[in-house]
Amino acid sequence: MLRWKEENGNTALLIKGARRVGKSTLAEAFAKKEYDSYLLIDFSIASQEVHNLFKDLTDLNYIFIRLQIIYGVSLTPRKSVIIFDEVQKEPYARQAIKHLVKDGRYDYIETGSLISIRKNTKDIVIPSEETQVCLYPLDYEEFRWALEDNVSINLLKQCFETKTPLSDGINRQMMRDFRLYMLVGGMPQAVSAYIDSNDMSYVDAVKRRIIELYDEDFMKIDTSGKASRLFRSIPKQLSNNQSRFKIGGVLDSHDRPSLLEETIMNMVDSMTVNIAYHANDPNVGLALHGSLDAYKLYLCDTGLFVTLAFWDNEVTDNLIYQKLLNDKLNTDMGYVYENVVSQMLKAAGRTLFYYTFPKDEKHNYEIDFIVTNGTKICPIEVKSSNYKTHTSIDVFCEKFSNRIQNRYLVYTKDLRKDGETLCIPPYMAMFI
């Protein structure tokens, strides 16, 4: 954002992200710190007069004067910023960006959810004068900052880079800390609820309200309810250890494949889910070989994932959270670890890919994630236990030996080297 401001003059800044991820808070905090004054228009509650201002741009002087009077803010050319909050609620304001930026008097920041859904943009010209940035839920480092821990992550990074084990005792404590992140998640409201109350049932109620907001958004773009059913089926699909996302039992058999593809892409655009494509040819340039016919879906936030997985009760009880925190609940946590690794890779700017190949007539080998590093690839296998076998990676690396740089097994024990495979605890996955 600072780089955009320093280089600005030709674009508005568009902050994209899921609902309740902190876009508005971030935009306003940035405006307060970096500008002499700012004017914030929240289009979800703005008056009709404000909405109407952007339907006729023939007199920008009049528009700026009316906005300053309505909001009681004095704007200074080149020292003030105007924030269009929830800009998808007023498509004409987004269309106006082209002319406002060209005018050059002020900077502009836009925030919005479901920003690229066709329903919100089909009648307007999408401006090319936008610099787009994505805001994700708090990553693990930001979560530790929220808990006033500014030391741990730097030390963990040093251990990862030097391949230095911590010790089993320290790893157990670090794993407990990391499971807390998995349970609370990175949604700012949930993190604040935990800090304020230290009550996981209260945190769970906050997360449920966020999920219900997502359901409302999905109903706006798909009144049939299919998008909402697809979203809620993600934990079940991952827990079944399927090699791809399957729509059986979610959508009707007569639904067109093109309708499914549009629905899935709308969900991905909303940034409430992360998609991992099957890499048909696992090599550098993964995007050239990603498959739209085979993919997996993950939730954007693992805290929301945990709440959705235990949705059968009105509120997930503190006892369940306590057992999850202490790794004492008799349930397979593999799919939760897989979701959190997907979230960490996505927050690091990675596009998600995975790979499957035949083991025998009925079974497949699977590489959970593949990332690139220069001209080589790095396979990643995720386990929920201390079991450090990695057959899939071994066979994969033998099959594609000339393409491999590093190989990683994410498991729950301390960092160890096992042959050519680096076994790391999940809190180090952010460094891959």
Protein backbone atom coordinates (compact mmCIF):
# COMPACT_ATOMS: atom_id res chain seq x y z
CA MET A 1 0.00 0.00 0.00
CA LEU A 2 2.87 2.35 0.78
CA ARG A 3 4.49 1.49 -2.53
CA TRP A 4 1.22 2.26 -4.33
CA LYS A 5 0.99 5.64 -2.56
CA GLU A 6 4.59 6.56 -3.38
CA GLU A 7 4.22 5.60 -7.02
CA ASN A 8 0.62 6.72 -7.34
CA GLY A 9 -0.89 9.05 -9.85
CA ASN A 10 -2.42 6.67 -12.36
CA THR A 11 -4.48 4.17 -10.37
CA ALA A 12 -6.86 3.68 -7.47
CA LEU A 13 -6.07 0.97 -4.91
CA LEU A 14 -8.61 -1.85 -4.76
CA ILE A 15 -8.45 -4.02 -1.62
CA LYS A 16 -10.15 -7.34 -2.28
CA GLY A 17 -11.04 -9.86 0.39
CA ALA A 18 -13.73 -11.96 2.00
CA ARG A 19 -16.27 -10.38 4.28
CA ARG A 20 -15.08 -9.56 7.80
CA VAL A 21 -11.42 -9.94 6.88
CA GLY A 22 -10.62 -6.33 7.88
CA LYS A 23 -10.59 -4.43 4.57
CA SER A 24 -12.42 -1.33 5.86
CA THR A 25 -10.36 -1.17 9.05
CA LEU A 26 -7.14 -1.45 7.08
CA ALA A 27 -8.14 1.23 4.56
CA GLU A 28 -9.17 3.70 7.25
CA ALA A 29 -6.07 3.07 9.40
CA PHE A 30 -3.88 3.64 6.33
CA ALA A 31 -5.74 6.86 5.48
CA LYS A 32 -5.38 8.21 9.02
CA LYS A 33 -1.66 7.52 9.09
CA GLU A 34 -0.61 8.51 5.57
CA TYR A 35 -2.83 11.47 4.61
CA ASP A 36 -3.73 14.91 5.98
CA SER A 37 -7.43 14.05 5.71
CA TYR A 38 -9.68 11.37 4.29
CA LEU A 39 -13.33 10.94 3.34
CA LEU A 40 -14.92 7.52 3.80
CA ILE A 41 -18.06 6.61 1.87
CA ASP A 42 -19.65 3.39 3.07
CA PHE A 43 -21.95 2.53 0.20
CA SER A 44 -23.83 -0.03 2.28
CA ILE A 45 -25.32 2.83 4.35
CA ALA A 46 -24.75 5.90 2.15
CA SER A 47 -27.73 8.14 1.35
CA GLN A 48 -29.42 8.05 -2.01
CA GLU A 49 -27.99 11.49 -2.73
CA VAL A 50 -24.45 10.12 -2.39
CA HIS A 51 -25.26 7.17 -4.67
CA ASN A 52 -26.75 9.51 -7.27
CA LEU A 53 -23.67 11.73 -7.36
CA PHE A 54 -21.72 9.08 -9.29
CA LYS A 55 -24.29 8.66 -12.07
CA ASP A 56 -23.35 11.99 -13.65
CA LEU A 57 -19.66 12.96 -13.78
CA THR A 58 -19.97 16.06 -15.92
CA ASP A 59 -19.15 18.36 -12.96
CA LEU A 60 -16.52 16.86 -10.64
CA ASN A 61 -16.21 20.15 -8.73
CA TYR A 62 -19.85 19.84 -7.68
CA ILE A 63 -19.38 16.20 -6.64
CA PHE A 64 -16.36 17.01 -4.45
CA ILE A 65 -18.11 20.00 -2.83
CA ARG A 66 -21.24 17.96 -2.05
CA LEU A 67 -19.20 15.09 -0.57
CA GLN A 68 -17.24 17.45 1.68
CA ILE A 69 -20.46 19.09 2.90
CA ILE A 70 -22.29 15.79 3.46
CA TYR A 71 -19.41 14.18 5.37
CA GLY A 72 -18.03 17.32 7.04
CA VAL A 73 -14.51 16.71 5.75
CA SER A 74 -12.13 19.18 4.12
CA LEU A 75 -10.10 17.66 1.31
CA THR A 76 -6.69 18.95 0.20
CA PRO A 77 -5.49 18.23 -3.34
CA ARG A 78 -2.73 15.55 -3.39
CA LYS A 79 -2.85 15.28 0.42
CA SER A 80 -6.24 13.62 0.87
CA VAL A 81 -7.73 10.24 0.00
CA ILE A 82 -11.34 9.21 -0.66
CA ILE A 83 -12.30 5.68 0.43
CA PHE A 84 -15.08 3.85 -1.42
CA ASP A 85 -16.06 1.24 1.16
CA GLU A 86 -18.23 -1.70 0.00
CA VAL A 87 -17.87 -0.29 -3.51
CA GLN A 88 -19.74 -3.24 -5.02
CA LYS A 89 -22.89 -1.64 -3.58
CA GLU A 90 -22.48 1.26 -6.02
CA PRO A 91 -21.13 0.04 -9.37
CA TYR A 92 -21.22 3.56 -10.85
CA ALA A 93 -18.71 4.73 -8.24
CA ARG A 94 -16.32 2.02 -9.35
CA GLN A 95 -16.90 2.93 -12.98
CA ALA A 96 -16.15 6.58 -12.09
CA ILE A 97 -12.61 5.67 -10.98
CA LYS A 98 -11.28 6.16 -14.52
CA HIS A 99 -12.34 9.82 -14.51
CA LEU A 100 -11.55 10.51 -10.85
CA VAL A 101 -8.00 9.22 -11.21
CA LYS A 102 -7.51 11.21 -14.39
CA ASP A 103 -8.69 14.35 -12.55
CA GLY A 104 -5.71 13.83 -10.21
CA ARG A 105 -6.80 15.85 -7.20
CA TYR A 106 -7.10 13.02 -4.69
CA ASP A 107 -6.10 9.41 -4.13
CA TYR A 108 -8.74 6.68 -4.07
CA ILE A 109 -8.99 3.41 -2.14
CA GLU A 110 -11.76 0.91 -2.86
CA THR A 111 -12.77 -2.01 -0.67
CA GLY A 112 -15.28 -4.69 -1.43
CA SER A 113 -16.40 -8.28 -1.12
CA LEU A 114 -17.55 -10.46 -4.04
CA ILE A 115 -16.08 -7.64 -6.08
CA SER A 116 -15.80 -9.45 -9.39
CA ILE A 117 -19.16 -11.20 -9.34
CA ARG A 118 -20.85 -10.56 -12.69
CA LYS A 119 -24.06 -9.48 -10.97
CA ASN A 120 -22.30 -6.41 -9.55
CA THR A 121 -20.38 -5.43 -12.67
CA LYS A 122 -22.38 -6.54 -15.70
CA ASP A 123 -23.78 -3.05 -16.44
CA ILE A 124 -20.60 -1.00 -15.96
CA VAL A 125 -17.19 -0.54 -17.53
CA ILE A 126 -14.60 -2.06 -15.19
CA PRO A 127 -11.81 0.51 -14.80
CA SER A 128 -8.31 -0.48 -15.84
CA GLU A 129 -6.97 2.26 -13.56
CA GLU A 130 -6.86 -0.02 -10.52
CA THR A 131 -4.02 -1.56 -8.55
CA GLN A 132 -5.50 -4.64 -6.90
CA VAL A 133 -4.25 -6.17 -3.65
CA CYS A 134 -5.71 -9.13 -1.77
CA LEU A 135 -6.27 -9.12 1.98
CA TYR A 136 -6.34 -12.54 3.63
CA PRO A 137 -7.15 -13.56 7.21
CA LEU A 138 -4.32 -13.07 9.70
CA ASP A 139 -1.48 -15.47 8.99
CA TYR A 140 0.26 -17.23 11.85
CA GLU A 141 2.88 -14.51 12.30
CA GLU A 142 0.18 -11.82 12.51
CA PHE A 143 -1.77 -13.98 14.95
CA ARG A 144 1.28 -14.17 17.23
CA TRP A 145 1.64 -10.36 16.98
CA ALA A 146 -1.98 -10.05 18.12
CA LEU A 147 -1.05 -12.12 21.20
CA GLU A 148 1.90 -9.75 21.80
CA ASP A 149 4.48 -12.30 20.72
CA ASN A 150 7.00 -10.58 18.44
CA VAL A 151 9.82 -13.09 18.96
CA SER A 152 8.73 -16.66 18.15
CA ILE A 153 8.36 -16.46 14.39
CA ASN A 154 11.83 -15.02 13.77
CA LEU A 155 13.36 -17.78 15.88
CA LEU A 156 11.34 -20.45 14.07
CA LYS A 157 12.48 -19.06 10.72
CA GLN A 158 16.12 -19.29 11.82
CA CYS A 159 15.60 -22.93 12.82
CA PHE A 160 13.95 -23.68 9.47
CA GLU A 161 16.70 -22.04 7.43
CA THR A 162 19.51 -23.72 9.40
CA LYS A 163 17.56 -27.00 9.74
CA THR A 164 18.03 -26.90 13.51
CA PRO A 165 15.61 -29.00 15.63
CA LEU A 166 13.92 -27.26 18.57
CA SER A 167 13.64 -30.24 20.98
CA ASP A 168 10.55 -32.36 21.55
CA GLY A 169 9.49 -30.37 24.60
CA ILE A 170 9.59 -27.00 22.83
CA ASN A 171 7.88 -28.49 19.77
CA ARG A 172 4.99 -29.72 21.94
CA GLN A 173 4.47 -26.19 23.25
CA MET A 174 4.78 -24.70 19.77
CA MET A 175 2.27 -27.23 18.43
CA ARG A 176 -0.19 -26.27 21.17
CA ASP A 177 0.26 -22.60 20.26
CA PHE A 178 -0.28 -23.42 16.61
CA ARG A 179 -3.41 -25.48 17.30
CA LEU A 180 -4.80 -22.40 19.06
CA TYR A 181 -4.34 -20.51 15.79
CA MET A 182 -6.06 -23.33 13.88
CA LEU A 183 -9.05 -23.16 16.25
CA VAL A 184 -9.42 -19.39 16.54
CA GLY A 185 -8.43 -18.67 12.95
CA GLY A 186 -7.33 -15.41 11.45
CA MET A 187 -10.57 -13.48 11.08
CA PRO A 188 -9.99 -10.22 13.03
CA GLN A 189 -13.33 -10.40 14.90
CA ALA A 190 -12.60 -13.95 16.06
CA VAL A 191 -9.08 -13.04 17.19
CA SER A 192 -10.39 -10.01 19.09
CA ALA A 193 -13.09 -12.17 20.68
CA TYR A 194 -10.46 -14.62 21.92
CA ILE A 195 -8.21 -11.87 23.30
CA ASP A 196 -11.14 -10.15 25.04
CA SER A 197 -12.86 -13.23 26.47
CA ASN A 198 -10.52 -16.25 26.40
CA ASP A 199 -13.79 -18.14 25.83
CA MET A 200 -13.76 -20.44 22.82
CA SER A 201 -17.55 -20.84 22.81
CA TYR A 202 -17.83 -17.07 22.41
CA VAL A 203 -15.22 -17.17 19.65
CA ASP A 204 -17.18 -19.97 17.97
CA ALA A 205 -20.35 -17.87 18.04
CA VAL A 206 -18.48 -15.03 16.31
CA LYS A 207 -17.25 -17.41 13.62
CA ARG A 208 -20.76 -18.76 13.09
CA ARG A 209 -22.06 -15.25 12.44
CA ILE A 210 -19.33 -14.78 9.81
CA ILE A 211 -20.29 -18.05 8.11
CA GLU A 212 -23.93 -16.96 8.09
CA LEU A 213 -22.88 -13.71 6.38
CA TYR A 214 -21.12 -15.78 3.74
CA ASP A 215 -24.31 -17.79 3.27
CA GLU A 216 -26.21 -14.54 2.70
CA ASP A 217 -23.67 -13.47 0.08
CA PHE A 218 -23.88 -16.83 -1.67
CA MET A 219 -27.67 -16.56 -1.82
CA LYS A 220 -27.32 -13.18 -3.53
CA ILE A 221 -25.26 -14.66 -6.34
CA ASP A 222 -27.05 -18.02 -6.45
CA THR A 223 -30.64 -18.00 -5.17
CA SER A 224 -30.87 -21.79 -5.66
CA GLY A 225 -28.61 -22.28 -2.63
CA LYS A 226 -26.12 -24.42 -4.54
CA ALA A 227 -23.12 -22.19 -3.73
CA SER A 228 -23.96 -22.32 -0.03
CA ARG A 229 -24.26 -26.13 -0.12
CA LEU A 230 -20.95 -26.42 -1.94
CA PHE A 231 -19.30 -24.17 0.66
CA ARG A 232 -20.65 -26.16 3.60
CA SER A 233 -19.61 -29.47 2.04
CA ILE A 234 -15.88 -28.61 2.00
CA PRO A 235 -14.94 -30.12 5.41
CA LYS A 236 -16.79 -33.33 4.58
CA GLN A 237 -15.15 -33.57 1.15
CA LEU A 238 -11.66 -33.17 2.63
CA SER A 239 -12.33 -35.56 5.51
CA ASN A 240 -13.31 -38.25 3.00
CA ASN A 241 -9.76 -37.99 1.58
CA GLN A 242 -11.04 -37.63 -1.96
CA SER A 243 -8.64 -36.90 -4.81
CA ARG A 244 -10.90 -34.16 -6.14
CA PHE A 245 -13.93 -32.10 -5.16
CA LYS A 246 -17.07 -34.08 -6.02
CA ILE A 247 -20.47 -32.54 -6.58
CA GLY A 248 -22.58 -35.66 -6.11
CA GLY A 249 -25.21 -34.99 -3.45
CA VAL A 250 -24.54 -31.25 -3.60
CA LEU A 251 -25.77 -30.23 -7.05
CA ASP A 252 -28.50 -31.83 -9.14
CA SER A 253 -27.54 -34.32 -11.81
CA HIS A 254 -29.09 -32.18 -14.55
CA ASP A 255 -27.04 -29.07 -13.66
CA ARG A 256 -24.87 -27.97 -16.58
CA PRO A 257 -21.07 -28.25 -16.12
CA SER A 258 -20.78 -24.60 -17.20
CA LEU A 259 -23.11 -23.62 -14.35
CA LEU A 260 -20.95 -25.52 -11.88
CA GLU A 261 -17.78 -23.88 -13.20
CA GLU A 262 -19.36 -20.42 -12.91
CA THR A 263 -20.56 -21.11 -9.36
CA ILE A 264 -17.14 -22.38 -8.26
CA MET A 265 -15.33 -19.42 -9.85
CA ASN A 266 -17.74 -17.01 -8.15
CA MET A 267 -16.90 -18.64 -4.81
CA VAL A 268 -13.18 -18.36 -5.52
CA ASP A 269 -13.60 -14.72 -6.55
CA SER A 270 -15.34 -14.04 -3.24
CA MET A 271 -12.11 -15.17 -1.51
CA THR A 272 -14.13 -17.24 0.97
CA VAL A 273 -12.56 -20.39 -0.50
CA ASN A 274 -9.15 -21.31 -1.90
CA ILE A 275 -8.93 -23.61 -4.89
CA ALA A 276 -6.14 -26.11 -5.58
CA TYR A 277 -5.88 -27.28 -9.18
CA HIS A 278 -4.67 -30.69 -10.22
CA ALA A 279 -1.28 -30.29 -11.93
CA ASN A 280 -1.57 -32.51 -14.97
CA ASP A 281 2.15 -32.04 -15.63
CA PRO A 282 4.00 -31.26 -12.37
CA ASN A 283 6.67 -28.91 -13.62
CA VAL A 284 7.55 -25.22 -13.52
CA GLY A 285 4.80 -23.21 -15.14
CA LEU A 286 2.19 -25.10 -13.13
CA ALA A 287 -0.50 -22.65 -14.25
CA LEU A 288 -0.03 -23.92 -17.81
CA HIS A 289 -1.05 -27.42 -16.75
CA GLY A 290 -3.67 -26.80 -14.05
CA SER A 291 -6.91 -28.72 -14.57
CA LEU A 292 -10.41 -27.24 -14.33
CA ASP A 293 -11.75 -30.78 -14.40
CA ALA A 294 -10.06 -31.79 -11.13
CA TYR A 295 -9.61 -29.50 -8.14
CA LYS A 296 -9.96 -29.29 -4.38
CA LEU A 297 -11.59 -26.54 -2.34
CA TYR A 298 -10.38 -25.24 1.02
CA LEU A 299 -11.84 -22.61 3.33
CA CYS A 300 -10.07 -19.26 3.37
CA ASP A 301 -9.74 -19.52 7.16
CA THR A 302 -9.10 -22.66 9.19
CA GLY A 303 -10.88 -21.26 12.24
CA LEU A 304 -14.05 -21.06 10.14
CA PHE A 305 -13.28 -24.55 8.82
CA VAL A 306 -13.25 -25.99 12.37
CA THR A 307 -16.55 -24.30 13.22
CA LEU A 308 -18.14 -25.59 10.01
CA ALA A 309 -16.86 -29.10 10.72
CA PHE A 310 -18.69 -29.08 14.08
CA TRP A 311 -21.81 -27.27 12.84
CA ASP A 312 -24.17 -30.01 14.11
CA ASN A 313 -24.47 -28.23 17.47
CA GLU A 314 -25.74 -24.68 17.95
CA VAL A 315 -22.38 -23.68 19.43
CA THR A 316 -19.25 -25.83 19.59
CA ASP A 317 -18.67 -26.50 23.28
CA ASN A 318 -15.57 -25.31 25.13
CA LEU A 319 -14.80 -28.95 26.04
CA ILE A 320 -14.46 -29.89 22.36
CA TYR A 321 -12.17 -26.93 21.76
CA GLN A 322 -10.11 -27.85 24.82
CA LYS A 323 -9.66 -31.41 23.56
CA LEU A 324 -8.77 -30.14 20.11
CA LEU A 325 -6.26 -27.74 21.62
CA ASN A 326 -4.62 -30.52 23.61
CA ASP A 327 -4.82 -32.99 20.71
CA LYS A 328 -7.03 -35.30 22.78
CA LEU A 329 -10.16 -35.46 20.61
CA ASN A 330 -10.70 -38.83 18.98
CA THR A 331 -11.04 -37.54 15.42
CA ASP A 332 -8.83 -37.40 12.36
CA MET A 333 -7.35 -33.93 12.16
CA GLY A 334 -5.59 -34.52 8.84
CA TYR A 335 -8.07 -32.48 6.84
CA VAL A 336 -7.72 -29.56 9.28
CA TYR A 337 -3.93 -29.55 8.91
CA GLU A 338 -4.32 -29.76 5.14
CA ASN A 339 -6.61 -26.72 5.19
CA VAL A 340 -4.26 -24.67 7.36
CA VAL A 341 -1.27 -25.46 5.12
CA SER A 342 -3.32 -24.38 2.10
CA GLN A 343 -4.13 -21.14 3.93
CA MET A 344 -0.47 -20.49 4.79
CA LEU A 345 0.70 -21.12 1.24
CA LYS A 346 -2.02 -18.85 -0.14
CA ALA A 347 -1.11 -16.06 2.31
CA ALA A 348 2.49 -16.38 1.08
CA GLY A 349 1.33 -15.61 -2.46
CA ARG A 350 1.28 -19.16 -3.80
CA THR A 351 -1.26 -20.53 -6.25
CA LEU A 352 -2.32 -23.97 -5.02
CA PHE A 353 -1.68 -27.15 -7.00
CA TYR A 354 -1.71 -30.84 -6.11
CA TYR A 355 -0.95 -34.07 -8.00
CA THR A 356 -2.23 -37.64 -8.04
CA PHE A 357 -0.93 -40.64 -9.97
CA PRO A 358 -1.82 -44.36 -9.93
CA LYS A 359 -0.53 -46.65 -7.22
CA ASP A 360 -2.50 -49.71 -8.32
CA GLU A 361 -5.86 -50.36 -9.95
CA LYS A 362 -7.81 -48.98 -6.99
CA HIS A 363 -5.50 -46.53 -5.25
CA ASN A 364 -3.52 -43.40 -6.05
CA TYR A 365 -0.46 -41.71 -4.69
CA GLU A 366 -1.15 -38.09 -3.83
CA ILE A 367 1.07 -35.04 -3.34
CA ASP A 368 -0.99 -32.59 -1.29
CA PHE A 369 0.69 -29.44 -2.60
CA ILE A 370 3.33 -28.52 -5.17
CA VAL A 371 5.12 -25.16 -5.21
CA THR A 372 7.79 -23.86 -7.54
CA ASN A 373 11.18 -22.44 -6.67
CA GLY A 374 13.07 -21.04 -9.64
CA THR A 375 13.25 -23.74 -12.29
CA LYS A 376 12.41 -26.61 -9.90
CA ILE A 377 9.39 -27.83 -7.96
CA CYS A 378 8.91 -28.72 -4.30
CA PRO A 379 6.37 -31.41 -3.35
CA ILE A 380 4.63 -31.18 0.05
CA GLU A 381 2.86 -33.98 1.91
CA VAL A 382 0.73 -33.18 4.98
CA LYS A 383 0.08 -35.56 7.87
CA SER A 384 -1.81 -35.03 11.13
CA SER A 385 0.43 -37.26 13.23
CA ASN A 386 4.07 -37.89 14.08
CA TYR A 387 4.15 -40.69 11.50
CA LYS A 388 6.94 -39.68 9.17
CA THR A 389 6.60 -42.14 6.29
CA HIS A 390 6.42 -40.35 2.96
CA THR A 391 5.90 -43.00 0.31
CA SER A 392 4.02 -40.68 -2.03
CA ILE A 393 6.85 -38.14 -2.05
CA ASP A 394 9.48 -40.84 -2.48
CA VAL A 395 7.74 -42.34 -5.53
CA PHE A 396 6.96 -38.90 -6.94
CA CYS A 397 10.57 -37.73 -6.60
CA GLU A 398 11.83 -40.90 -8.24
CA LYS A 399 9.38 -40.40 -11.11
CA PHE A 400 10.31 -36.72 -11.62
CA SER A 401 13.84 -36.70 -10.20
CA ASN A 402 15.21 -34.05 -12.59
CA ARG A 403 12.48 -31.57 -11.58
CA ILE A 404 12.84 -31.68 -7.80
CA GLN A 405 14.57 -29.10 -5.63
CA ASN A 406 13.31 -29.65 -2.07
CA ARG A 407 10.77 -32.06 -0.64
CA TYR A 408 8.76 -31.52 2.54
CA LEU A 409 6.74 -33.66 4.93
CA VAL A 410 4.53 -31.59 7.25
CA TYR A 411 3.86 -33.56 10.43
CA THR A 412 3.42 -32.88 14.14
CA LYS A 413 6.88 -33.70 15.50
CA ASP A 414 10.07 -31.63 15.62
CA LEU A 415 12.07 -30.65 12.52
CA ARG A 416 14.12 -33.57 11.24
CA LYS A 417 15.89 -34.59 8.05
CA ASP A 418 14.86 -38.03 6.78
CA GLY A 419 17.03 -38.80 3.80
CA GLU A 420 16.30 -36.14 1.19
CA THR A 421 12.99 -35.19 2.83
CA LEU A 422 12.78 -32.34 5.33
CA CYS A 423 10.17 -33.17 7.96
CA ILE A 424 8.77 -30.00 9.49
CA PRO A 425 6.02 -29.14 11.98
CA PRO A 426 3.06 -27.25 10.44
CA TYR A 427 3.99 -23.91 12.04
CA MET A 428 7.06 -23.88 9.74
CA ALA A 429 5.04 -24.39 6.54
CA MET A 430 4.86 -20.62 6.16
CA PHE A 431 8.59 -20.61 5.34
CA ILE A 432 8.40 -23.01 2.38
